[in-house]
Amino acid sequence: MRLRIEVVTSATELPWPSVLAPGRSLAYDLLSRVERGLGQQIHENGWGQHRMAPFGFGAPLFPGAPRVRGKYAAGGRGFVEFGSPVPEIVEAWRLACGDAS
């Protein structure tokens, strides 16, 4: 399952080290807002037989940002996608983002 989260920034670019690095922290932060125990359990023990975090995320994308060679373009409205095969995780993210639909 995937969840797309809308983001907005006035920045015109992201430093390369900041493109993916904040994603894991954001995933856990969103979990802790709704299901604190679940986020803590996954962080400390992983999930399933492989004991890994059962989620992934992509880089933020800003479709309207002008592209500049050698820079990660940002600006205006964009989105970040998170995914997990565990429905409870995606549901917690959804609720943390205020989407009660």
PDB file of N, CA and C in Angstrom:
ATOM      1  N   MET A   1       0.842  -1.165   0.000  1.00  0.00           N
ATOM      2  CA  MET A   1       0.000   0.000   0.000  1.00  0.00           C
ATOM      3  C   MET A   1       0.894   1.237   0.000  1.00  0.00           C
ATOM      4  N   ARG A   2       0.406   2.281  -0.637  1.00  0.00           N
ATOM      5  CA  ARG A   2       1.151   3.533  -0.698  1.00  0.00           C
ATOM      6  C   ARG A   2       0.310   4.675  -0.171  1.00  0.00           C
ATOM      7  N   LEU A   3       0.996   5.659   0.352  1.00  0.00           N
ATOM      8  CA  LEU A   3       0.352   6.881   0.802  1.00  0.00           C
ATOM      9  C   LEU A   3       1.155   8.048   0.244  1.00  0.00           C
ATOM     10  N   ARG A   4       0.478   8.966  -0.396  1.00  0.00           N
ATOM     11  CA  ARG A   4       1.129  10.164  -0.942  1.00  0.00           C
ATOM     12  C   ARG A   4       0.786  11.332  -0.028  1.00  0.00           C
ATOM     13  N   ILE A   5       1.820  11.990   0.470  1.00  0.00           N
ATOM     14  CA  ILE A   5       1.646  13.117   1.378  1.00  0.00           C
ATOM     15  C   ILE A   5       2.027  14.393   0.650  1.00  0.00           C
ATOM     16  N   GLU A   6       1.131  15.357   0.669  1.00  0.00           N
ATOM     17  CA  GLU A   6       1.416  16.632   0.021  1.00  0.00           C
ATOM     18  C   GLU A   6       2.312  17.466   0.917  1.00  0.00           C
ATOM     19  N   VAL A   7       3.307  18.096   0.318  1.00  0.00           N
ATOM     20  CA  VAL A   7       4.212  18.993   1.037  1.00  0.00           C
ATOM     21  C   VAL A   7       4.297  20.313   0.284  1.00  0.00           C
ATOM     22  N   VAL A   8       4.648  21.357   1.001  1.00  0.00           N
ATOM     23  CA  VAL A   8       4.791  22.682   0.401  1.00  0.00           C
ATOM     24  C   VAL A   8       6.056  23.308   0.966  1.00  0.00           C
ATOM     25  N   THR A   9       6.844  23.925   0.107  1.00  0.00           N
ATOM     26  CA  THR A   9       8.056  24.609   0.560  1.00  0.00           C
ATOM     27  C   THR A   9       8.306  25.859  -0.260  1.00  0.00           C
ATOM     28  N   SER A  10       8.985  26.803   0.383  1.00  0.00           N
ATOM     29  CA  SER A  10       9.416  27.996  -0.345  1.00  0.00           C
ATOM     30  C   SER A  10      10.871  27.856  -0.791  1.00  0.00           C
ATOM     31  N   ALA A  11      11.524  26.776  -0.378  1.00  0.00           N
ATOM     32  CA  ALA A  11      12.908  26.523  -0.805  1.00  0.00           C
ATOM     33  C   ALA A  11      12.938  26.296  -2.313  1.00  0.00           C
ATOM     34  N   THR A  12      14.025  26.687  -2.947  1.00  0.00           N
ATOM     35  CA  THR A  12      14.145  26.488  -4.392  1.00  0.00           C
ATOM     36  C   THR A  12      14.960  25.247  -4.742  1.00  0.00           C
ATOM     37  N   GLU A  13      15.663  24.710  -3.732  1.00  0.00           N
ATOM     38  CA  GLU A  13      16.417  23.471  -3.938  1.00  0.00           C
ATOM     39  C   GLU A  13      16.621  22.785  -2.598  1.00  0.00           C
ATOM     40  N   LEU A  14      16.916  21.493  -2.651  1.00  0.00           N
ATOM     41  CA  LEU A  14      17.254  20.730  -1.455  1.00  0.00           C
ATOM     42  C   LEU A  14      18.719  20.323  -1.551  1.00  0.00           C
ATOM     43  N   PRO A  15      19.455  20.436  -0.455  1.00  0.00           N
ATOM     44  CA  PRO A  15      20.835  19.934  -0.483  1.00  0.00           C
ATOM     45  C   PRO A  15      20.792  18.417  -0.708  1.00  0.00           C
ATOM     46  N   TRP A  16      21.681  17.889  -1.499  1.00  0.00           N
ATOM     47  CA  TRP A  16      21.651  16.458  -1.832  1.00  0.00           C
ATOM     48  C   TRP A  16      21.577  15.557  -0.605  1.00  0.00           C
ATOM     49  N   PRO A  17      22.309  15.828   0.489  1.00  0.00           N
ATOM     50  CA  PRO A  17      22.211  14.939   1.654  1.00  0.00           C
ATOM     51  C   PRO A  17      20.821  14.957   2.313  1.00  0.00           C
ATOM     52  N   SER A  18      20.025  15.971   2.006  1.00  0.00           N
ATOM     53  CA  SER A  18      18.702  16.095   2.618  1.00  0.00           C
ATOM     54  C   SER A  18      17.572  15.570   1.739  1.00  0.00           C
ATOM     55  N   VAL A  19      17.885  15.007   0.606  1.00  0.00           N
ATOM     56  CA  VAL A  19      16.839  14.540  -0.301  1.00  0.00           C
ATOM     57  C   VAL A  19      16.143  13.301   0.259  1.00  0.00           C
ATOM     58  N   LEU A  20      16.896  12.292   0.662  1.00  0.00           N
ATOM     59  CA  LEU A  20      16.299  11.066   1.211  1.00  0.00           C
ATOM     60  C   LEU A  20      16.447  10.924   2.723  1.00  0.00           C
ATOM     61  N   ALA A  21      17.467  11.521   3.293  1.00  0.00           N
ATOM     62  CA  ALA A  21      17.777  11.308   4.710  1.00  0.00           C
ATOM     63  C   ALA A  21      16.601  11.554   5.661  1.00  0.00           C
ATOM     64  N   PRO A  22      15.799  12.587   5.494  1.00  0.00           N
ATOM     65  CA  PRO A  22      14.723  12.827   6.460  1.00  0.00           C
ATOM     66  C   PRO A  22      13.548  11.848   6.363  1.00  0.00           C
ATOM     67  N   GLY A  23      13.471  11.054   5.328  1.00  0.00           N
ATOM     68  CA  GLY A  23      12.309  10.185   5.110  1.00  0.00           C
ATOM     69  C   GLY A  23      12.064   9.191   6.224  1.00  0.00           C
ATOM     70  N   ARG A  24      13.101   8.523   6.689  1.00  0.00           N
ATOM     71  CA  ARG A  24      12.943   7.528   7.755  1.00  0.00           C
ATOM     72  C   ARG A  24      12.465   8.193   9.043  1.00  0.00           C
ATOM     73  N   SER A  25      13.059   9.323   9.373  1.00  0.00           N
ATOM     74  CA  SER A  25      12.659  10.058  10.565  1.00  0.00           C
ATOM     75  C   SER A  25      11.203  10.513  10.462  1.00  0.00           C
ATOM     76  N   LEU A  26      10.809  11.004   9.294  1.00  0.00           N
ATOM     77  CA  LEU A  26       9.432  11.432   9.089  1.00  0.00           C
ATOM     78  C   LEU A  26       8.473  10.254   9.210  1.00  0.00           C
ATOM     79  N   ALA A  27       8.835   9.102   8.664  1.00  0.00           N
ATOM     80  CA  ALA A  27       7.983   7.915   8.763  1.00  0.00           C
ATOM     81  C   ALA A  27       7.730   7.553  10.223  1.00  0.00           C
ATOM     82  N   TYR A  28       8.774   7.547  11.042  1.00  0.00           N
ATOM     83  CA  TYR A  28       8.619   7.241  12.468  1.00  0.00           C
ATOM     84  C   TYR A  28       7.868   8.349  13.203  1.00  0.00           C
ATOM     85  N   ASP A  29       8.119   9.597  12.847  1.00  0.00           N
ATOM     86  CA  ASP A  29       7.410  10.705  13.490  1.00  0.00           C
ATOM     87  C   ASP A  29       5.906  10.600  13.249  1.00  0.00           C
ATOM     88  N   LEU A  30       5.521  10.317  12.012  1.00  0.00           N
ATOM     89  CA  LEU A  30       4.095  10.169  11.707  1.00  0.00           C
ATOM     90  C   LEU A  30       3.480   9.010  12.484  1.00  0.00           C
ATOM     91  N   LEU A  31       4.199   7.889  12.569  1.00  0.00           N
ATOM     92  CA  LEU A  31       3.697   6.744  13.345  1.00  0.00           C
ATOM     93  C   LEU A  31       3.505   7.123  14.809  1.00  0.00           C
ATOM     94  N   SER A  32       4.457   7.850  15.372  1.00  0.00           N
ATOM     95  CA  SER A  32       4.391   8.172  16.798  1.00  0.00           C
ATOM     96  C   SER A  32       3.233   9.111  17.124  1.00  0.00           C
ATOM     97  N   ARG A  33       2.760   9.851  16.145  1.00  0.00           N
ATOM     98  CA  ARG A  33       1.628  10.755  16.385  1.00  0.00           C
ATOM     99  C   ARG A  33       0.328   9.990  16.624  1.00  0.00           C
ATOM    100  N   VAL A  34       0.226   8.796  16.070  1.00  0.00           N
ATOM    101  CA  VAL A  34      -1.027   8.032  16.151  1.00  0.00           C
ATOM    102  C   VAL A  34      -0.846   6.705  16.878  1.00  0.00           C
ATOM    103  N   GLU A  35       0.213   5.991  16.556  1.00  0.00           N
ATOM    104  CA  GLU A  35       0.465   4.655  17.103  1.00  0.00           C
ATOM    105  C   GLU A  35       1.864   4.597  17.707  1.00  0.00           C
ATOM    106  N   ARG A  36       2.061   5.298  18.795  1.00  0.00           N
ATOM    107  CA  ARG A  36       3.398   5.397  19.386  1.00  0.00           C
ATOM    108  C   ARG A  36       4.019   4.029  19.639  1.00  0.00           C
ATOM    109  N   GLY A  37       3.255   3.111  20.165  1.00  0.00           N
ATOM    110  CA  GLY A  37       3.779   1.778  20.450  1.00  0.00           C
ATOM    111  C   GLY A  37       4.242   1.056  19.202  1.00  0.00           C
ATOM    112  N   LEU A  38       3.515   1.211  18.105  1.00  0.00           N
ATOM    113  CA  LEU A  38       3.870   0.543  16.850  1.00  0.00           C
ATOM    114  C   LEU A  38       5.201   1.069  16.318  1.00  0.00           C
ATOM    115  N   GLY A  39       5.372   2.374  16.303  1.00  0.00           N
ATOM    116  CA  GLY A  39       6.621   2.957  15.837  1.00  0.00           C
ATOM    117  C   GLY A  39       7.798   2.537  16.692  1.00  0.00           C
ATOM    118  N   GLN A  40       7.597   2.526  18.009  1.00  0.00           N
ATOM    119  CA  GLN A  40       8.658   2.114  18.920  1.00  0.00           C
ATOM    120  C   GLN A  40       9.016   0.646  18.708  1.00  0.00           C
ATOM    121  N   GLN A  41       7.991  -0.197  18.557  1.00  0.00           N
ATOM    122  CA  GLN A  41       8.214  -1.633  18.344  1.00  0.00           C
ATOM    123  C   GLN A  41       9.025  -1.880  17.073  1.00  0.00           C
ATOM    124  N   ILE A  42       8.641  -1.219  15.992  1.00  0.00           N
ATOM    125  CA  ILE A  42       9.349  -1.401  14.717  1.00  0.00           C
ATOM    126  C   ILE A  42      10.777  -0.879  14.823  1.00  0.00           C
ATOM    127  N   HIS A  43      10.946   0.274  15.448  1.00  0.00           N
ATOM    128  CA  HIS A  43      12.280   0.862  15.561  1.00  0.00           C
ATOM    129  C   HIS A  43      13.215  -0.026  16.391  1.00  0.00           C
ATOM    130  N   GLU A  44      12.701  -0.574  17.472  1.00  0.00           N
ATOM    131  CA  GLU A  44      13.536  -1.369  18.372  1.00  0.00           C
ATOM    132  C   GLU A  44      13.710  -2.815  17.923  1.00  0.00           C
ATOM    133  N   ASN A  45      12.666  -3.407  17.325  1.00  0.00           N
ATOM    134  CA  ASN A  45      12.688  -4.842  17.026  1.00  0.00           C
ATOM    135  C   ASN A  45      12.521  -5.200  15.561  1.00  0.00           C
ATOM    136  N   GLY A  46      12.225  -4.232  14.726  1.00  0.00           N
ATOM    137  CA  GLY A  46      11.935  -4.561  13.332  1.00  0.00           C
ATOM    138  C   GLY A  46      10.580  -5.240  13.218  1.00  0.00           C
ATOM    139  N   TRP A  47      10.381  -5.934  12.108  1.00  0.00           N
ATOM    140  CA  TRP A  47       9.087  -6.551  11.847  1.00  0.00           C
ATOM    141  C   TRP A  47       9.328  -7.900  11.180  1.00  0.00           C
ATOM    142  N   GLY A  48       8.607  -8.902  11.599  1.00  0.00           N
ATOM    143  CA  GLY A  48       8.676 -10.205  10.954  1.00  0.00           C
ATOM    144  C   GLY A  48      10.003 -10.903  11.156  1.00  0.00           C
ATOM    145  N   GLN A  49      10.197 -11.970  10.399  1.00  0.00           N
ATOM    146  CA  GLN A  49      11.378 -12.812  10.580  1.00  0.00           C
ATOM    147  C   GLN A  49      12.692 -12.113  10.228  1.00  0.00           C
ATOM    148  N   HIS A  50      12.645 -11.124   9.366  1.00  0.00           N
ATOM    149  CA  HIS A  50      13.874 -10.433   8.965  1.00  0.00           C
ATOM    150  C   HIS A  50      14.187  -9.236   9.858  1.00  0.00           C
ATOM    151  N   ARG A  51      13.246  -8.884  10.703  1.00  0.00           N
ATOM    152  CA  ARG A  51      13.426  -7.829  11.703  1.00  0.00           C
ATOM    153  C   ARG A  51      13.885  -6.507  11.083  1.00  0.00           C
ATOM    154  N   MET A  52      13.234  -6.159   9.996  1.00  0.00           N
ATOM    155  CA  MET A  52      13.531  -4.900   9.313  1.00  0.00           C
ATOM    156  C   MET A  52      12.320  -3.988   9.426  1.00  0.00           C
ATOM    157  N   ALA A  53      12.520  -2.712   9.165  1.00  0.00           N
ATOM    158  CA  ALA A  53      11.398  -1.781   9.111  1.00  0.00           C
ATOM    159  C   ALA A  53      10.600  -2.085   7.846  1.00  0.00           C
ATOM    160  N   PRO A  54       9.298  -2.363   7.982  1.00  0.00           N
ATOM    161  CA  PRO A  54       8.488  -2.745   6.819  1.00  0.00           C
ATOM    162  C   PRO A  54       7.897  -1.557   6.071  1.00  0.00           C
ATOM    163  N   PHE A  55       8.749  -0.625   5.725  1.00  0.00           N
ATOM    164  CA  PHE A  55       8.253   0.502   4.944  1.00  0.00           C
ATOM    165  C   PHE A  55       9.378   1.086   4.106  1.00  0.00           C
ATOM    166  N   GLY A  56       8.962   1.851   3.134  1.00  0.00           N
ATOM    167  CA  GLY A  56       9.906   2.527   2.265  1.00  0.00           C
ATOM    168  C   GLY A  56       9.359   3.901   1.928  1.00  0.00           C
ATOM    169  N   PHE A  57      10.176   4.724   1.307  1.00  0.00           N
ATOM    170  CA  PHE A  57       9.755   6.071   0.961  1.00  0.00           C
ATOM    171  C   PHE A  57      10.605   6.561  -0.204  1.00  0.00           C
ATOM    172  N   GLY A  58      10.069   7.516  -0.904  1.00  0.00           N
ATOM    173  CA  GLY A  58      10.792   8.092  -2.023  1.00  0.00           C
ATOM    174  C   GLY A  58      11.237   9.504  -1.711  1.00  0.00           C
ATOM    175  N   ALA A  59      11.977  10.076  -2.606  1.00  0.00           N
ATOM    176  CA  ALA A  59      12.399  11.471  -2.473  1.00  0.00           C
ATOM    177  C   ALA A  59      11.192  12.374  -2.703  1.00  0.00           C
ATOM    178  N   PRO A  60      11.177  13.534  -2.085  1.00  0.00           N
ATOM    179  CA  PRO A  60      10.077  14.465  -2.371  1.00  0.00           C
ATOM    180  C   PRO A  60      10.158  14.923  -3.827  1.00  0.00           C
ATOM    181  N   LEU A  61       9.012  15.070  -4.422  1.00  0.00           N
ATOM    182  CA  LEU A  61       8.948  15.528  -5.816  1.00  0.00           C
ATOM    183  C   LEU A  61       8.159  16.824  -5.887  1.00  0.00           C
ATOM    184  N   PHE A  62       8.659  17.753  -6.656  1.00  0.00           N
ATOM    185  CA  PHE A  62       8.018  19.054  -6.838  1.00  0.00           C
ATOM    186  C   PHE A  62       7.836  19.268  -8.337  1.00  0.00           C
ATOM    187  N   PRO A  63       6.719  18.814  -8.895  1.00  0.00           N
ATOM    188  CA  PRO A  63       6.525  18.857 -10.348  1.00  0.00           C
ATOM    189  C   PRO A  63       6.616  20.251 -10.967  1.00  0.00           C
ATOM    190  N   GLY A  64       6.254  21.290 -10.218  1.00  0.00           N
ATOM    191  CA  GLY A  64       6.273  22.638 -10.773  1.00  0.00           C
ATOM    192  C   GLY A  64       7.585  23.375 -10.599  1.00  0.00           C
ATOM    193  N   ALA A  65       8.544  22.768  -9.917  1.00  0.00           N
ATOM    194  CA  ALA A  65       9.816  23.455  -9.661  1.00  0.00           C
ATOM    195  C   ALA A  65      10.681  23.436 -10.910  1.00  0.00           C
ATOM    196  N   PRO A  66      11.260  24.592 -11.253  1.00  0.00           N
ATOM    197  CA  PRO A  66      12.150  24.628 -12.415  1.00  0.00           C
ATOM    198  C   PRO A  66      13.410  23.793 -12.156  1.00  0.00           C
ATOM    199  N   ARG A  67      13.786  23.005 -13.123  1.00  0.00           N
ATOM    200  CA  ARG A  67      14.960  22.131 -13.009  1.00  0.00           C
ATOM    201  C   ARG A  67      16.236  22.914 -13.268  1.00  0.00           C
ATOM    202  N   VAL A  68      17.245  22.611 -12.454  1.00  0.00           N
ATOM    203  CA  VAL A  68      18.567  23.223 -12.609  1.00  0.00           C
ATOM    204  C   VAL A  68      19.585  22.099 -12.548  1.00  0.00           C
ATOM    205  N   ARG A  69      20.419  22.010 -13.546  1.00  0.00           N
ATOM    206  CA  ARG A  69      21.419  20.937 -13.608  1.00  0.00           C
ATOM    207  C   ARG A  69      22.306  20.937 -12.354  1.00  0.00           C
ATOM    208  N   GLY A  70      22.454  19.745 -11.741  1.00  0.00           N
ATOM    209  CA  GLY A  70      23.317  19.587 -10.573  1.00  0.00           C
ATOM    210  C   GLY A  70      22.671  19.937  -9.251  1.00  0.00           C
ATOM    211  N   LYS A  71      21.404  20.348  -9.275  1.00  0.00           N
ATOM    212  CA  LYS A  71      20.705  20.709  -8.042  1.00  0.00           C
ATOM    213  C   LYS A  71      19.399  19.914  -7.965  1.00  0.00           C
ATOM    214  N   TYR A  72      18.958  19.646  -6.732  1.00  0.00           N
ATOM    215  CA  TYR A  72      17.679  18.962  -6.554  1.00  0.00           C
ATOM    216  C   TYR A  72      16.607  20.029  -6.425  1.00  0.00           C
ATOM    217  N   ALA A  73      15.818  20.183  -7.473  1.00  0.00           N
ATOM    218  CA  ALA A  73      14.835  21.257  -7.548  1.00  0.00           C
ATOM    219  C   ALA A  73      13.699  21.043  -6.556  1.00  0.00           C
ATOM    220  N   ALA A  74      13.298  22.120  -5.903  1.00  0.00           N
ATOM    221  CA  ALA A  74      12.179  22.117  -4.975  1.00  0.00           C
ATOM    222  C   ALA A  74      11.400  23.396  -5.199  1.00  0.00           C
ATOM    223  N   GLY A  75      10.292  23.510  -4.508  1.00  0.00           N
ATOM    224  CA  GLY A  75       9.528  24.743  -4.562  1.00  0.00           C
ATOM    225  C   GLY A  75       8.055  24.504  -4.810  1.00  0.00           C
ATOM    226  N   GLY A  76       7.255  25.212  -4.036  1.00  0.00           N
ATOM    227  CA  GLY A  76       5.809  25.122  -4.189  1.00  0.00           C
ATOM    228  C   GLY A  76       5.259  23.814  -3.655  1.00  0.00           C
ATOM    229  N   ARG A  77       4.198  23.360  -4.303  1.00  0.00           N
ATOM    230  CA  ARG A  77       3.547  22.120  -3.878  1.00  0.00           C
ATOM    231  C   ARG A  77       4.264  20.914  -4.459  1.00  0.00           C
ATOM    232  N   GLY A  78       4.378  19.904  -3.629  1.00  0.00           N
ATOM    233  CA  GLY A  78       4.993  18.661  -4.054  1.00  0.00           C
ATOM    234  C   GLY A  78       4.421  17.519  -3.240  1.00  0.00           C
ATOM    235  N   PHE A  79       5.075  16.387  -3.283  1.00  0.00           N
ATOM    236  CA  PHE A  79       4.599  15.239  -2.525  1.00  0.00           C
ATOM    237  C   PHE A  79       5.747  14.290  -2.209  1.00  0.00           C
ATOM    238  N   VAL A  80       5.503  13.490  -1.183  1.00  0.00           N
ATOM    239  CA  VAL A  80       6.411  12.413  -0.783  1.00  0.00           C
ATOM    240  C   VAL A  80       5.553  11.165  -0.692  1.00  0.00           C
ATOM    241  N   GLU A  81       6.043  10.054  -1.224  1.00  0.00           N
ATOM    242  CA  GLU A  81       5.303   8.798  -1.137  1.00  0.00           C
ATOM    243  C   GLU A  81       5.954   7.849  -0.144  1.00  0.00           C
ATOM    244  N   PHE A  82       5.107   7.241   0.668  1.00  0.00           N
ATOM    245  CA  PHE A  82       5.516   6.217   1.616  1.00  0.00           C
ATOM    246  C   PHE A  82       4.780   4.945   1.256  1.00  0.00           C
ATOM    247  N   GLY A  83       5.381   3.809   1.519  1.00  0.00           N
ATOM    248  CA  GLY A  83       4.725   2.542   1.233  1.00  0.00           C
ATOM    249  C   GLY A  83       5.053   1.496   2.276  1.00  0.00           C
ATOM    250  N   SER A  84       4.110   0.568   2.471  1.00  0.00           N
ATOM    251  CA  SER A  84       4.315  -0.527   3.402  1.00  0.00           C
ATOM    252  C   SER A  84       3.330  -1.647   3.074  1.00  0.00           C
ATOM    253  N   PRO A  85       3.755  -2.900   3.254  1.00  0.00           N
ATOM    254  CA  PRO A  85       2.827  -4.019   3.089  1.00  0.00           C
ATOM    255  C   PRO A  85       1.979  -4.225   4.340  1.00  0.00           C
ATOM    256  N   VAL A  86       2.226  -3.440   5.394  1.00  0.00           N
ATOM    257  CA  VAL A  86       1.504  -3.573   6.658  1.00  0.00           C
ATOM    258  C   VAL A  86       0.413  -2.501   6.721  1.00  0.00           C
ATOM    259  N   PRO A  87      -0.858  -2.899   6.590  1.00  0.00           N
ATOM    260  CA  PRO A  87      -1.947  -1.915   6.560  1.00  0.00           C
ATOM    261  C   PRO A  87      -1.995  -1.002   7.781  1.00  0.00           C
ATOM    262  N   GLU A  88      -1.646  -1.505   8.960  1.00  0.00           N
ATOM    263  CA  GLU A  88      -1.693  -0.683  10.168  1.00  0.00           C
ATOM    264  C   GLU A  88      -0.729   0.500  10.081  1.00  0.00           C
ATOM    265  N   ILE A  89       0.376   0.298   9.420  1.00  0.00           N
ATOM    266  CA  ILE A  89       1.351   1.381   9.276  1.00  0.00           C
ATOM    267  C   ILE A  89       0.819   2.460   8.341  1.00  0.00           C
ATOM    268  N   VAL A  90       0.298   2.055   7.204  1.00  0.00           N
ATOM    269  CA  VAL A  90      -0.226   3.033   6.243  1.00  0.00           C
ATOM    270  C   VAL A  90      -1.414   3.777   6.843  1.00  0.00           C
ATOM    271  N   GLU A  91      -2.259   3.075   7.574  1.00  0.00           N
ATOM    272  CA  GLU A  91      -3.409   3.707   8.213  1.00  0.00           C
ATOM    273  C   GLU A  91      -2.948   4.732   9.260  1.00  0.00           C
ATOM    274  N   ALA A  92      -1.925   4.401  10.037  1.00  0.00           N
ATOM    275  CA  ALA A  92      -1.408   5.343  11.034  1.00  0.00           C
ATOM    276  C   ALA A  92      -0.852   6.586  10.351  1.00  0.00           C
ATOM    277  N   TRP A  93      -0.109   6.410   9.264  1.00  0.00           N
ATOM    278  CA  TRP A  93       0.391   7.563   8.524  1.00  0.00           C
ATOM    279  C   TRP A  93      -0.751   8.437   8.038  1.00  0.00           C
ATOM    280  N   ARG A  94      -1.773   7.788   7.475  1.00  0.00           N
ATOM    281  CA  ARG A  94      -2.924   8.519   6.940  1.00  0.00           C
ATOM    282  C   ARG A  94      -3.593   9.360   8.030  1.00  0.00           C
ATOM    283  N   LEU A  95      -3.801   8.734   9.183  1.00  0.00           N
ATOM    284  CA  LEU A  95      -4.430   9.452  10.292  1.00  0.00           C
ATOM    285  C   LEU A  95      -3.547  10.580  10.807  1.00  0.00           C
ATOM    286  N   ALA A  96      -2.249  10.350  10.855  1.00  0.00           N
ATOM    287  CA  ALA A  96      -1.317  11.376  11.331  1.00  0.00           C
ATOM    288  C   ALA A  96      -1.307  12.595  10.420  1.00  0.00           C
ATOM    289  N   CYS A  97      -1.589  12.369   9.154  1.00  0.00           N
ATOM    290  CA  CYS A  97      -1.603  13.467   8.184  1.00  0.00           C
ATOM    291  C   CYS A  97      -2.945  14.185   8.154  1.00  0.00           C
ATOM    292  N   GLY A  98      -3.883  13.737   8.985  1.00  0.00           N
ATOM    293  CA  GLY A  98      -5.170  14.411   9.078  1.00  0.00           C
ATOM    294  C   GLY A  98      -6.181  13.977   8.040  1.00  0.00           C
ATOM    295  N   ASP A  99      -5.944  12.890   7.350  1.00  0.00           N
ATOM    296  CA  ASP A  99      -6.894  12.383   6.352  1.00  0.00           C
ATOM    297  C   ASP A  99      -7.763  11.335   7.013  1.00  0.00           C
ATOM    298  N   ALA A 100      -8.921  11.755   7.497  1.00  0.00           N
ATOM    299  CA  ALA A 100      -9.807  10.833   8.195  1.00  0.00           C
ATOM    300  C   ALA A 100     -10.827  10.192   7.255  1.00  0.00           C
ATOM    301  N   SER A 101     -10.655  10.400   5.954  1.00  0.00           N
ATOM    302  CA  SER A 101     -11.642   9.845   5.002  1.00  0.00           C
ATOM    303  C   SER A 101     -11.437   8.364   4.785  1.00  0.00           C
TER     304      SER A 101
END
